[in-house]
Amino acid sequence: MEGYKTKGHSRLFRNGFNRIVQGEIVHHIIEIKSDWNKRFDINNLFFLTKENHNKVHSKMNVSNEMQYEVIKMLKDFKIKFKEEFGV
């Protein structure tokens, strides 16, 4: 996917975040332990496979910087998906 130049994004893409597949688990982009009010916010939800959900949480636990990168990436994916598919 074009446009992702940060170190964190390129690490995530090499680990398999570069294609659209059917999700199995709803992930809270901003974790509910960080902001309980976002738990039902549709803009804060992202559908992932179990494998990618585990990868996202693993990356988010590396550092605050990586957590920020993952959150930004998921928000950007959500925007791009809406633009491309009108959903």
PDB file of N, CA and C in Angstrom:
ATOM      1  N   MET A   1       0.838  -1.158   0.000  1.00  0.00           N
ATOM      2  CA  MET A   1       0.000   0.000   0.000  1.00  0.00           C
ATOM      3  C   MET A   1       0.890   1.229   0.000  1.00  0.00           C
ATOM      4  N   GLU A   2       0.599   2.149  -0.862  1.00  0.00           N
ATOM      5  CA  GLU A   2       1.402   3.353  -0.997  1.00  0.00           C
ATOM      6  C   GLU A   2       1.117   4.323   0.143  1.00  0.00           C
ATOM      7  N   GLY A   3       2.049   5.207   0.401  1.00  0.00           N
ATOM      8  CA  GLY A   3       1.821   6.314   1.303  1.00  0.00           C
ATOM      9  C   GLY A   3       2.210   6.070   2.756  1.00  0.00           C
ATOM     10  N   TYR A   4       2.645   4.888   3.107  1.00  0.00           N
ATOM     11  CA  TYR A   4       3.034   4.624   4.487  1.00  0.00           C
ATOM     12  C   TYR A   4       4.546   4.567   4.553  1.00  0.00           C
ATOM     13  N   LYS A   5       5.136   5.637   5.035  1.00  0.00           N
ATOM     14  CA  LYS A   5       6.586   5.785   5.003  1.00  0.00           C
ATOM     15  C   LYS A   5       7.249   5.598   6.364  1.00  0.00           C
ATOM     16  N   THR A   6       6.486   5.544   7.426  1.00  0.00           N
ATOM     17  CA  THR A   6       7.104   5.465   8.747  1.00  0.00           C
ATOM     18  C   THR A   6       7.668   4.072   8.992  1.00  0.00           C
ATOM     19  N   LYS A   7       8.633   4.029   9.842  1.00  0.00           N
ATOM     20  CA  LYS A   7       9.281   2.769  10.190  1.00  0.00           C
ATOM     21  C   LYS A   7       8.277   1.747  10.718  1.00  0.00           C
ATOM     22  N   GLY A   8       7.374   2.179  11.595  1.00  0.00           N
ATOM     23  CA  GLY A   8       6.385   1.271  12.173  1.00  0.00           C
ATOM     24  C   GLY A   8       5.463   0.669  11.142  1.00  0.00           C
ATOM     25  N   HIS A   9       5.000   1.491  10.196  1.00  0.00           N
ATOM     26  CA  HIS A   9       4.110   0.973   9.171  1.00  0.00           C
ATOM     27  C   HIS A   9       4.811  -0.049   8.295  1.00  0.00           C
ATOM     28  N   SER A  10       6.048   0.224   7.898  1.00  0.00           N
ATOM     29  CA  SER A  10       6.725  -0.734   7.033  1.00  0.00           C
ATOM     30  C   SER A  10       6.969  -2.047   7.767  1.00  0.00           C
ATOM     31  N   ARG A  11       7.228  -1.994   9.073  1.00  0.00           N
ATOM     32  CA  ARG A  11       7.378  -3.244   9.839  1.00  0.00           C
ATOM     33  C   ARG A  11       6.063  -4.014   9.867  1.00  0.00           C
ATOM     34  N   LEU A  12       4.967  -3.298  10.025  1.00  0.00           N
ATOM     35  CA  LEU A  12       3.671  -3.964  10.067  1.00  0.00           C
ATOM     36  C   LEU A  12       3.332  -4.573   8.716  1.00  0.00           C
ATOM     37  N   PHE A  13       3.617  -3.858   7.638  1.00  0.00           N
ATOM     38  CA  PHE A  13       3.294  -4.387   6.313  1.00  0.00           C
ATOM     39  C   PHE A  13       4.091  -5.644   6.009  1.00  0.00           C
ATOM     40  N   ARG A  14       5.336  -5.680   6.401  1.00  0.00           N
ATOM     41  CA  ARG A  14       6.136  -6.883   6.156  1.00  0.00           C
ATOM     42  C   ARG A  14       5.558  -8.076   6.914  1.00  0.00           C
ATOM     43  N   ASN A  15       4.790  -7.783   7.944  1.00  0.00           N
ATOM     44  CA  ASN A  15       4.188  -8.846   8.740  1.00  0.00           C
ATOM     45  C   ASN A  15       2.772  -9.192   8.296  1.00  0.00           C
ATOM     46  N   GLY A  16       2.363  -8.765   7.103  1.00  0.00           N
ATOM     47  CA  GLY A  16       1.104  -9.244   6.560  1.00  0.00           C
ATOM     48  C   GLY A  16      -0.089  -8.319   6.631  1.00  0.00           C
ATOM     49  N   PHE A  17       0.087  -7.028   6.801  1.00  0.00           N
ATOM     50  CA  PHE A  17      -1.037  -6.099   6.876  1.00  0.00           C
ATOM     51  C   PHE A  17      -1.259  -5.391   5.545  1.00  0.00           C
ATOM     52  N   ASN A  18      -1.039  -6.067   4.440  1.00  0.00           N
ATOM     53  CA  ASN A  18      -1.117  -5.370   3.164  1.00  0.00           C
ATOM     54  C   ASN A  18      -2.184  -5.924   2.232  1.00  0.00           C
ATOM     55  N   ARG A  19      -3.179  -6.598   2.764  1.00  0.00           N
ATOM     56  CA  ARG A  19      -4.246  -7.109   1.911  1.00  0.00           C
ATOM     57  C   ARG A  19      -5.560  -7.135   2.697  1.00  0.00           C
ATOM     58  N   ILE A  20      -6.643  -7.091   1.955  1.00  0.00           N
ATOM     59  CA  ILE A  20      -7.955  -7.128   2.588  1.00  0.00           C
ATOM     60  C   ILE A  20      -8.424  -8.575   2.658  1.00  0.00           C
ATOM     61  N   VAL A  21      -8.773  -9.020   3.849  1.00  0.00           N
ATOM     62  CA  VAL A  21      -9.317 -10.366   4.060  1.00  0.00           C
ATOM     63  C   VAL A  21     -10.513 -10.239   4.997  1.00  0.00           C
ATOM     64  N   GLN A  22     -11.331 -11.267   5.038  1.00  0.00           N
ATOM     65  CA  GLN A  22     -12.498 -11.254   5.910  1.00  0.00           C
ATOM     66  C   GLN A  22     -12.058 -11.313   7.368  1.00  0.00           C
ATOM     67  N   GLY A  23     -12.587 -10.392   8.171  1.00  0.00           N
ATOM     68  CA  GLY A  23     -12.242 -10.342   9.587  1.00  0.00           C
ATOM     69  C   GLY A  23     -13.049 -11.315  10.414  1.00  0.00           C
ATOM     70  N   GLU A  24     -12.588 -11.522  11.648  1.00  0.00           N
ATOM     71  CA  GLU A  24     -13.251 -12.432  12.581  1.00  0.00           C
ATOM     72  C   GLU A  24     -13.497 -11.788  13.944  1.00  0.00           C
ATOM     73  N   ILE A  25     -12.720 -10.746  14.245  1.00  0.00           N
ATOM     74  CA  ILE A  25     -12.754 -10.123  15.568  1.00  0.00           C
ATOM     75  C   ILE A  25     -12.834  -8.606  15.400  1.00  0.00           C
ATOM     76  N   VAL A  26     -13.677  -7.976  16.206  1.00  0.00           N
ATOM     77  CA  VAL A  26     -13.728  -6.515  16.203  1.00  0.00           C
ATOM     78  C   VAL A  26     -12.661  -5.993  17.161  1.00  0.00           C
ATOM     79  N   HIS A  27     -11.821  -5.115  16.644  1.00  0.00           N
ATOM     80  CA  HIS A  27     -10.753  -4.505  17.434  1.00  0.00           C
ATOM     81  C   HIS A  27     -11.119  -3.058  17.723  1.00  0.00           C
ATOM     82  N   HIS A  28     -10.911  -2.610  18.956  1.00  0.00           N
ATOM     83  CA  HIS A  28     -11.091  -1.206  19.314  1.00  0.00           C
ATOM     84  C   HIS A  28      -9.784  -0.485  19.002  1.00  0.00           C
ATOM     85  N   ILE A  29      -9.825   0.457  18.079  1.00  0.00           N
ATOM     86  CA  ILE A  29      -8.619   1.185  17.676  1.00  0.00           C
ATOM     87  C   ILE A  29      -8.025   1.885  18.896  1.00  0.00           C
ATOM     88  N   ILE A  30      -8.835   2.677  19.577  1.00  0.00           N
ATOM     89  CA  ILE A  30      -8.450   3.215  20.886  1.00  0.00           C
ATOM     90  C   ILE A  30      -9.014   2.240  21.901  1.00  0.00           C
ATOM     91  N   GLU A  31      -8.138   1.581  22.642  1.00  0.00           N
ATOM     92  CA  GLU A  31      -8.585   0.535  23.548  1.00  0.00           C
ATOM     93  C   GLU A  31      -9.583   1.078  24.579  1.00  0.00           C
ATOM     94  N   ILE A  32     -10.545   0.243  24.934  1.00  0.00           N
ATOM     95  CA  ILE A  32     -11.583   0.701  25.858  1.00  0.00           C
ATOM     96  C   ILE A  32     -11.024   0.981  27.247  1.00  0.00           C
ATOM     97  N   LYS A  33      -9.911   0.356  27.585  1.00  0.00           N
ATOM     98  CA  LYS A  33      -9.299   0.677  28.884  1.00  0.00           C
ATOM     99  C   LYS A  33      -8.715   2.088  28.883  1.00  0.00           C
ATOM    100  N   SER A  34      -8.443   2.624  27.687  1.00  0.00           N
ATOM    101  CA  SER A  34      -7.942   3.994  27.572  1.00  0.00           C
ATOM    102  C   SER A  34      -9.065   5.016  27.464  1.00  0.00           C
ATOM    103  N   ASP A  35     -10.167   4.607  26.831  1.00  0.00           N
ATOM    104  CA  ASP A  35     -11.300   5.529  26.672  1.00  0.00           C
ATOM    105  C   ASP A  35     -12.593   4.721  26.590  1.00  0.00           C
ATOM    106  N   TRP A  36     -13.214   4.506  27.731  1.00  0.00           N
ATOM    107  CA  TRP A  36     -14.431   3.703  27.842  1.00  0.00           C
ATOM    108  C   TRP A  36     -15.553   4.231  26.945  1.00  0.00           C
ATOM    109  N   ASN A  37     -15.607   5.545  26.740  1.00  0.00           N
ATOM    110  CA  ASN A  37     -16.672   6.162  25.949  1.00  0.00           C
ATOM    111  C   ASN A  37     -16.607   5.798  24.469  1.00  0.00           C
ATOM    112  N   LYS A  38     -15.491   5.268  24.014  1.00  0.00           N
ATOM    113  CA  LYS A  38     -15.352   4.892  22.599  1.00  0.00           C
ATOM    114  C   LYS A  38     -15.721   3.430  22.332  1.00  0.00           C
ATOM    115  N   ARG A  39     -16.206   2.730  23.332  1.00  0.00           N
ATOM    116  CA  ARG A  39     -16.445   1.287  23.179  1.00  0.00           C
ATOM    117  C   ARG A  39     -17.487   0.951  22.124  1.00  0.00           C
ATOM    118  N   PHE A  40     -18.462   1.825  21.893  1.00  0.00           N
ATOM    119  CA  PHE A  40     -19.494   1.576  20.880  1.00  0.00           C
ATOM    120  C   PHE A  40     -19.383   2.512  19.683  1.00  0.00           C
ATOM    121  N   ASP A  41     -18.335   3.305  19.635  1.00  0.00           N
ATOM    122  CA  ASP A  41     -18.126   4.262  18.544  1.00  0.00           C
ATOM    123  C   ASP A  41     -17.714   3.504  17.278  1.00  0.00           C
ATOM    124  N   ILE A  42     -18.568   3.525  16.267  1.00  0.00           N
ATOM    125  CA  ILE A  42     -18.310   2.786  15.029  1.00  0.00           C
ATOM    126  C   ILE A  42     -16.996   3.204  14.379  1.00  0.00           C
ATOM    127  N   ASN A  43     -16.597   4.454  14.580  1.00  0.00           N
ATOM    128  CA  ASN A  43     -15.342   4.944  14.012  1.00  0.00           C
ATOM    129  C   ASN A  43     -14.124   4.440  14.768  1.00  0.00           C
ATOM    130  N   ASN A  44     -14.360   3.799  15.904  1.00  0.00           N
ATOM    131  CA  ASN A  44     -13.271   3.254  16.703  1.00  0.00           C
ATOM    132  C   ASN A  44     -13.162   1.734  16.567  1.00  0.00           C
ATOM    133  N   LEU A  45     -13.959   1.145  15.703  1.00  0.00           N
ATOM    134  CA  LEU A  45     -13.963  -0.310  15.545  1.00  0.00           C
ATOM    135  C   LEU A  45     -13.329  -0.706  14.216  1.00  0.00           C
ATOM    136  N   PHE A  46     -12.585  -1.806  14.248  1.00  0.00           N
ATOM    137  CA  PHE A  46     -11.919  -2.296  13.043  1.00  0.00           C
ATOM    138  C   PHE A  46     -11.996  -3.817  13.061  1.00  0.00           C
ATOM    139  N   PHE A  47     -12.459  -4.418  11.988  1.00  0.00           N
ATOM    140  CA  PHE A  47     -12.627  -5.864  11.894  1.00  0.00           C
ATOM    141  C   PHE A  47     -11.325  -6.498  11.423  1.00  0.00           C
ATOM    142  N   LEU A  48     -10.792  -7.440  12.189  1.00  0.00           N
ATOM    143  CA  LEU A  48      -9.512  -8.089  11.883  1.00  0.00           C
ATOM    144  C   LEU A  48      -9.635  -9.607  11.956  1.00  0.00           C
ATOM    145  N   THR A  49      -8.710 -10.291  11.293  1.00  0.00           N
ATOM    146  CA  THR A  49      -8.593 -11.733  11.492  1.00  0.00           C
ATOM    147  C   THR A  49      -8.008 -11.949  12.894  1.00  0.00           C
ATOM    148  N   LYS A  50      -8.144 -13.149  13.410  1.00  0.00           N
ATOM    149  CA  LYS A  50      -7.560 -13.454  14.725  1.00  0.00           C
ATOM    150  C   LYS A  50      -6.052 -13.230  14.698  1.00  0.00           C
ATOM    151  N   GLU A  51      -5.416 -13.694  13.624  1.00  0.00           N
ATOM    152  CA  GLU A  51      -3.961 -13.559  13.500  1.00  0.00           C
ATOM    153  C   GLU A  51      -3.545 -12.084  13.509  1.00  0.00           C
ATOM    154  N   ASN A  52      -4.223 -11.265  12.714  1.00  0.00           N
ATOM    155  CA  ASN A  52      -3.870  -9.847  12.664  1.00  0.00           C
ATOM    156  C   ASN A  52      -4.231  -9.126  13.950  1.00  0.00           C
ATOM    157  N   HIS A  53      -5.296  -9.555  14.606  1.00  0.00           N
ATOM    158  CA  HIS A  53      -5.658  -8.970  15.897  1.00  0.00           C
ATOM    159  C   HIS A  53      -4.544  -9.207  16.915  1.00  0.00           C
ATOM    160  N   ASN A  54      -4.020 -10.422  16.928  1.00  0.00           N
ATOM    161  CA  ASN A  54      -2.901 -10.734  17.824  1.00  0.00           C
ATOM    162  C   ASN A  54      -1.669  -9.910  17.471  1.00  0.00           C
ATOM    163  N   LYS A  55      -1.401  -9.745  16.173  1.00  0.00           N
ATOM    164  CA  LYS A  55      -0.250  -8.947  15.735  1.00  0.00           C
ATOM    165  C   LYS A  55      -0.407  -7.491  16.154  1.00  0.00           C
ATOM    166  N   VAL A  56      -1.613  -6.955  15.982  1.00  0.00           N
ATOM    167  CA  VAL A  56      -1.866  -5.561  16.363  1.00  0.00           C
ATOM    168  C   VAL A  56      -1.575  -5.380  17.850  1.00  0.00           C
ATOM    169  N   HIS A  57      -2.085  -6.275  18.686  1.00  0.00           N
ATOM    170  CA  HIS A  57      -1.853  -6.138  20.127  1.00  0.00           C
ATOM    171  C   HIS A  57      -0.378  -6.337  20.474  1.00  0.00           C
ATOM    172  N   SER A  58       0.292  -7.227  19.800  1.00  0.00           N
ATOM    173  CA  SER A  58       1.732  -7.408  20.039  1.00  0.00           C
ATOM    174  C   SER A  58       2.496  -6.137  19.706  1.00  0.00           C
ATOM    175  N   LYS A  59       2.176  -5.527  18.575  1.00  0.00           N
ATOM    176  CA  LYS A  59       2.859  -4.289  18.165  1.00  0.00           C
ATOM    177  C   LYS A  59       2.534  -3.147  19.121  1.00  0.00           C
ATOM    178  N   MET A  60       1.279  -3.074  19.564  1.00  0.00           N
ATOM    179  CA  MET A  60       0.878  -1.982  20.448  1.00  0.00           C
ATOM    180  C   MET A  60       1.553  -2.074  21.809  1.00  0.00           C
ATOM    181  N   ASN A  61       1.991  -3.257  22.192  1.00  0.00           N
ATOM    182  CA  ASN A  61       2.646  -3.438  23.493  1.00  0.00           C
ATOM    183  C   ASN A  61       4.151  -3.200  23.445  1.00  0.00           C
ATOM    184  N   VAL A  62       4.702  -2.930  22.258  1.00  0.00           N
ATOM    185  CA  VAL A  62       6.142  -2.712  22.124  1.00  0.00           C
ATOM    186  C   VAL A  62       6.560  -1.400  22.787  1.00  0.00           C
ATOM    187  N   SER A  63       5.857  -0.326  22.450  1.00  0.00           N
ATOM    188  CA  SER A  63       6.195   0.992  22.987  1.00  0.00           C
ATOM    189  C   SER A  63       5.036   1.945  22.730  1.00  0.00           C
ATOM    190  N   ASN A  64       5.064   3.085  23.379  1.00  0.00           N
ATOM    191  CA  ASN A  64       4.044   4.103  23.127  1.00  0.00           C
ATOM    192  C   ASN A  64       4.116   4.592  21.691  1.00  0.00           C
ATOM    193  N   GLU A  65       5.329   4.722  21.172  1.00  0.00           N
ATOM    194  CA  GLU A  65       5.504   5.160  19.785  1.00  0.00           C
ATOM    195  C   GLU A  65       4.867   4.155  18.820  1.00  0.00           C
ATOM    196  N   MET A  66       5.100   2.872  19.045  1.00  0.00           N
ATOM    197  CA  MET A  66       4.518   1.854  18.171  1.00  0.00           C
ATOM    198  C   MET A  66       3.006   1.834  18.322  1.00  0.00           C
ATOM    199  N   GLN A  67       2.496   2.022  19.527  1.00  0.00           N
ATOM    200  CA  GLN A  67       1.053   2.070  19.729  1.00  0.00           C
ATOM    201  C   GLN A  67       0.449   3.206  18.904  1.00  0.00           C
ATOM    202  N   TYR A  68       1.089   4.363  18.918  1.00  0.00           N
ATOM    203  CA  TYR A  68       0.633   5.497  18.122  1.00  0.00           C
ATOM    204  C   TYR A  68       0.645   5.145  16.631  1.00  0.00           C
ATOM    205  N   GLU A  69       1.709   4.490  16.169  1.00  0.00           N
ATOM    206  CA  GLU A  69       1.820   4.103  14.758  1.00  0.00           C
ATOM    207  C   GLU A  69       0.703   3.143  14.350  1.00  0.00           C
ATOM    208  N   VAL A  70       0.410   2.171  15.197  1.00  0.00           N
ATOM    209  CA  VAL A  70      -0.642   1.193  14.896  1.00  0.00           C
ATOM    210  C   VAL A  70      -2.001   1.886  14.854  1.00  0.00           C
ATOM    211  N   ILE A  71      -2.270   2.750  15.816  1.00  0.00           N
ATOM    212  CA  ILE A  71      -3.541   3.481  15.838  1.00  0.00           C
ATOM    213  C   ILE A  71      -3.679   4.323  14.576  1.00  0.00           C
ATOM    214  N   LYS A  72      -2.621   5.032  14.204  1.00  0.00           N
ATOM    215  CA  LYS A  72      -2.651   5.851  12.993  1.00  0.00           C
ATOM    216  C   LYS A  72      -2.893   4.989  11.757  1.00  0.00           C
ATOM    217  N   MET A  73      -2.209   3.859  11.674  1.00  0.00           N
ATOM    218  CA  MET A  73      -2.361   2.967  10.530  1.00  0.00           C
ATOM    219  C   MET A  73      -3.800   2.470  10.411  1.00  0.00           C
ATOM    220  N   LEU A  74      -4.401   2.030  11.520  1.00  0.00           N
ATOM    221  CA  LEU A  74      -5.769   1.518  11.485  1.00  0.00           C
ATOM    222  C   LEU A  74      -6.763   2.609  11.108  1.00  0.00           C
ATOM    223  N   LYS A  75      -6.567   3.810  11.633  1.00  0.00           N
ATOM    224  CA  LYS A  75      -7.438   4.929  11.250  1.00  0.00           C
ATOM    225  C   LYS A  75      -7.294   5.248   9.768  1.00  0.00           C
ATOM    226  N   ASP A  76      -6.051   5.231   9.272  1.00  0.00           N
ATOM    227  CA  ASP A  76      -5.807   5.493   7.845  1.00  0.00           C
ATOM    228  C   ASP A  76      -6.428   4.402   6.974  1.00  0.00           C
ATOM    229  N   PHE A  77      -6.311   3.150   7.395  1.00  0.00           N
ATOM    230  CA  PHE A  77      -6.934   2.043   6.657  1.00  0.00           C
ATOM    231  C   PHE A  77      -8.442   2.236   6.583  1.00  0.00           C
ATOM    232  N   LYS A  78      -9.024   2.618   7.690  1.00  0.00           N
ATOM    233  CA  LYS A  78     -10.474   2.801   7.755  1.00  0.00           C
ATOM    234  C   LYS A  78     -10.917   3.903   6.786  1.00  0.00           C
ATOM    235  N   ILE A  79     -10.196   4.994   6.745  1.00  0.00           N
ATOM    236  CA  ILE A  79     -10.499   6.088   5.815  1.00  0.00           C
ATOM    237  C   ILE A  79     -10.344   5.621   4.376  1.00  0.00           C
ATOM    238  N   LYS A  80      -9.251   4.945   4.076  1.00  0.00           N
ATOM    239  CA  LYS A  80      -8.991   4.464   2.723  1.00  0.00           C
ATOM    240  C   LYS A  80     -10.069   3.465   2.287  1.00  0.00           C
ATOM    241  N   PHE A  81     -10.478   2.574   3.179  1.00  0.00           N
ATOM    242  CA  PHE A  81     -11.507   1.597   2.860  1.00  0.00           C
ATOM    243  C   PHE A  81     -12.825   2.294   2.538  1.00  0.00           C
ATOM    244  N   LYS A  82     -13.193   3.290   3.338  1.00  0.00           N
ATOM    245  CA  LYS A  82     -14.427   4.048   3.079  1.00  0.00           C
ATOM    246  C   LYS A  82     -14.363   4.754   1.737  1.00  0.00           C
ATOM    247  N   GLU A  83     -13.219   5.336   1.413  1.00  0.00           N
ATOM    248  CA  GLU A  83     -13.060   6.036   0.135  1.00  0.00           C
ATOM    249  C   GLU A  83     -13.167   5.065  -1.041  1.00  0.00           C
ATOM    250  N   GLU A  84     -12.522   3.924  -0.936  1.00  0.00           N
ATOM    251  CA  GLU A  84     -12.470   2.982  -2.042  1.00  0.00           C
ATOM    252  C   GLU A  84     -13.762   2.186  -2.219  1.00  0.00           C
ATOM    253  N   PHE A  85     -14.417   1.860  -1.122  1.00  0.00           N
ATOM    254  CA  PHE A  85     -15.578   0.967  -1.194  1.00  0.00           C
ATOM    255  C   PHE A  85     -16.893   1.631  -0.804  1.00  0.00           C
ATOM    256  N   GLY A  86     -16.826   2.867  -0.354  1.00  0.00           N
ATOM    257  CA  GLY A  86     -18.036   3.599   0.000  1.00  0.00           C
ATOM    258  C   GLY A  86     -18.802   3.017   1.172  1.00  0.00           C
ATOM    259  N   VAL A  87     -18.101   2.326   2.035  1.00  0.00           N
ATOM    260  CA  VAL A  87     -18.738   1.680   3.194  1.00  0.00           C
ATOM    261  C   VAL A  87     -18.451   2.478   4.435  1.00  0.00           C
TER     262      VAL A  87
END
